[in-house]
Amino acid sequence: MRYLLDTTALLAHYRQELGWEAVQALLEDTAAEITLASPSIAEFSRRMHDLGADDSAIQDILDEYRLLFDDVVAIDGSTATAAYRLSRQAVSHIPLTDSLIAAAAQMDSAVLVHRDQHMAAIPSEVVKQQILG
C-alpha cells in the first residue's frame, strides 16, 4: 500500500511526538511505499528553522529522511487543480499547502498520514486518511 506522509507526520516522527510510533511502523513495513509531497520539504524545513535548527542541520535531516522515502511527489498542474476541487469538498477551510499535499495523496492513490485538523475536514471518500494520535 502507498502512504503519503503529511508534514505533521514527518514532524511527529522526527520529534517523537504523538503518533510517531505509527509513522515508524510504516517506515519499517517492507510492503509499504512511503512518499512525501514536495511542499512538505519546504514546510518541514521552515518548522525546523523555527525550532532553532540551522540550514546545515536541516539539510542533513532532510538527506537522512530522503533515504526512507520511495518517492517525492511533485506538484504539477493536474495536482494543483485537484487541490482546488478537494478544498471545495472539505467541510471547512483548508490552507493551500495542506490542500496541495492532500491532492498529491489523492492523485498518487496513497493514504494520507497526518495529525492535522485541517486535513480531517476532507471527507474520507475523497482522500483515504490515517490520522495519528
Protein backbone atom coordinates (compact mmCIF):
# COMPACT_ATOMS: atom_id res chain seq x y z
CA MET A 1 0.00 0.00 0.00
CA ARG A 2 1.15 3.57 -0.68
CA TYR A 3 1.28 6.17 2.08
CA LEU A 4 1.99 9.87 1.75
CA LEU A 5 3.28 11.50 4.91
CA ASP A 6 1.99 14.96 5.63
CA THR A 7 4.43 17.41 7.19
CA THR A 8 2.75 16.87 10.57
CA ALA A 9 3.53 13.14 10.39
CA LEU A 10 7.13 13.84 9.47
CA LEU A 11 7.50 16.31 12.34
CA ALA A 12 5.84 13.91 14.78
CA HIS A 13 8.30 11.21 13.77
CA TYR A 14 11.36 13.44 13.92
CA ARG A 15 10.42 14.97 17.28
CA GLN A 16 8.98 11.68 18.66
CA GLU A 17 5.67 13.35 19.37
CA LEU A 18 2.19 11.86 19.47
CA GLY A 19 1.79 9.38 16.62
CA TRP A 20 5.48 8.91 15.85
CA GLU A 21 5.32 5.18 16.58
CA ALA A 22 2.71 4.69 13.84
CA VAL A 23 4.97 6.51 11.36
CA GLN A 24 7.92 4.37 12.47
CA ALA A 25 5.86 1.22 11.92
CA LEU A 26 5.05 2.35 8.37
CA LEU A 27 8.71 3.10 7.69
CA GLU A 28 9.64 -0.39 8.89
CA ASP A 29 6.90 -2.11 6.87
CA THR A 30 8.65 -3.53 3.81
CA ALA A 31 5.32 -3.81 1.96
CA ALA A 32 4.56 -0.09 2.41
CA GLU A 33 5.57 2.50 -0.17
CA ILE A 34 6.24 5.79 1.63
CA THR A 35 6.08 9.07 -0.24
CA LEU A 36 6.27 12.75 0.59
CA ALA A 37 4.73 15.69 -1.28
CA SER A 38 7.28 18.29 -2.38
CA PRO A 39 5.64 21.16 -0.40
CA SER A 40 6.36 19.20 2.79
CA ILE A 41 10.08 19.68 2.22
CA ALA A 42 9.70 23.46 2.47
CA GLU A 43 7.15 23.26 5.28
CA PHE A 44 9.30 20.87 7.34
CA SER A 45 12.41 22.99 6.77
CA ARG A 46 10.65 26.17 7.88
CA ARG A 47 9.34 24.47 11.03
CA MET A 48 12.79 23.09 11.86
CA HIS A 49 14.25 26.57 11.39
CA ASP A 50 11.58 27.98 13.72
CA LEU A 51 12.66 25.37 16.28
CA GLY A 52 16.25 26.60 16.08
CA ALA A 53 17.94 24.30 13.57
CA ASP A 54 20.44 25.91 11.21
CA ASP A 55 20.40 25.34 7.44
CA SER A 56 23.17 22.74 7.54
CA ALA A 57 21.37 20.66 10.18
CA ILE A 58 18.08 20.93 8.30
CA GLN A 59 19.75 19.71 5.10
CA ASP A 60 21.32 16.77 6.96
CA ILE A 61 17.95 15.80 8.43
CA LEU A 62 16.26 16.01 5.03
CA ASP A 63 19.02 13.93 3.42
CA GLU A 64 18.53 11.21 6.04
CA TYR A 65 14.76 11.18 5.57
CA ARG A 66 15.01 11.07 1.77
CA LEU A 67 16.65 7.67 2.12
CA LEU A 68 13.44 6.40 3.72
CA PHE A 69 11.04 7.63 1.03
CA ASP A 70 10.23 5.71 -2.11
CA ASP A 71 9.38 8.95 -3.90
CA VAL A 72 8.85 12.67 -3.52
CA VAL A 73 5.63 13.61 -5.31
CA ALA A 74 5.92 16.84 -7.29
CA ILE A 75 3.04 19.27 -7.61
CA ASP A 76 2.03 19.80 -11.21
CA GLY A 77 -0.95 21.47 -12.88
CA SER A 78 -3.23 18.46 -12.50
CA THR A 79 -2.43 18.18 -8.81
CA ALA A 80 -2.99 21.92 -8.30
CA THR A 81 -6.40 21.63 -9.96
CA ALA A 82 -7.21 18.60 -7.80
CA ALA A 83 -6.23 20.66 -4.73
CA TYR A 84 -8.80 23.28 -5.65
CA ARG A 85 -11.52 20.66 -6.13
CA LEU A 86 -10.57 18.96 -2.91
CA SER A 87 -10.77 22.23 -0.95
CA ARG A 88 -14.30 22.75 -2.32
CA GLN A 89 -15.31 19.30 -0.99
CA ALA A 90 -13.94 19.88 2.50
CA VAL A 91 -16.33 20.67 5.33
CA SER A 92 -14.17 23.60 6.47
CA HIS A 93 -11.33 25.77 5.17
CA ILE A 94 -8.06 24.03 4.27
CA PRO A 95 -4.86 26.07 3.88
CA LEU A 96 -3.36 25.98 0.39
CA THR A 97 -0.28 23.94 1.32
CA ASP A 98 -2.44 21.34 3.05
CA SER A 99 -4.77 21.07 0.06
CA LEU A 100 -1.76 20.57 -2.26
CA ILE A 101 -0.39 17.81 -0.03
CA ALA A 102 -3.77 16.11 0.24
CA ALA A 103 -4.25 16.34 -3.53
CA ALA A 104 -0.83 14.76 -4.03
CA ALA A 105 -2.01 11.81 -1.91
CA GLN A 106 -5.26 11.61 -3.84
CA MET A 107 -3.55 11.73 -7.25
CA ASP A 108 -0.99 9.16 -6.09
CA SER A 109 -3.70 6.81 -4.73
CA ALA A 110 -1.95 6.97 -1.37
CA VAL A 111 -3.25 7.02 2.19
CA LEU A 112 -2.60 10.46 3.67
CA VAL A 113 -0.91 10.08 7.06
CA HIS A 114 -1.29 13.15 9.27
CA ARG A 115 -2.27 14.70 12.57
CA ASP A 116 -3.64 17.93 11.13
CA GLN A 117 -7.12 19.16 11.98
CA HIS A 118 -7.36 20.86 8.58
CA MET A 119 -6.88 17.53 6.79
CA ALA A 120 -9.62 15.93 8.87
CA ALA A 121 -12.06 18.32 7.12
CA ILE A 122 -11.56 16.33 3.90
CA PRO A 123 -14.14 13.57 3.53
CA SER A 124 -12.52 10.12 3.76
CA GLU A 125 -14.16 9.08 0.49
CA VAL A 126 -12.24 11.91 -1.23
CA VAL A 127 -8.83 11.13 0.32
CA LYS A 128 -8.04 8.00 2.30
CA GLN A 129 -6.54 9.04 5.62
CA GLN A 130 -4.69 7.67 8.61
CA ILE A 131 -4.95 10.17 11.44
CA LEU A 132 -2.18 9.95 14.00
CA GLY A 133 -2.94 10.10 17.71
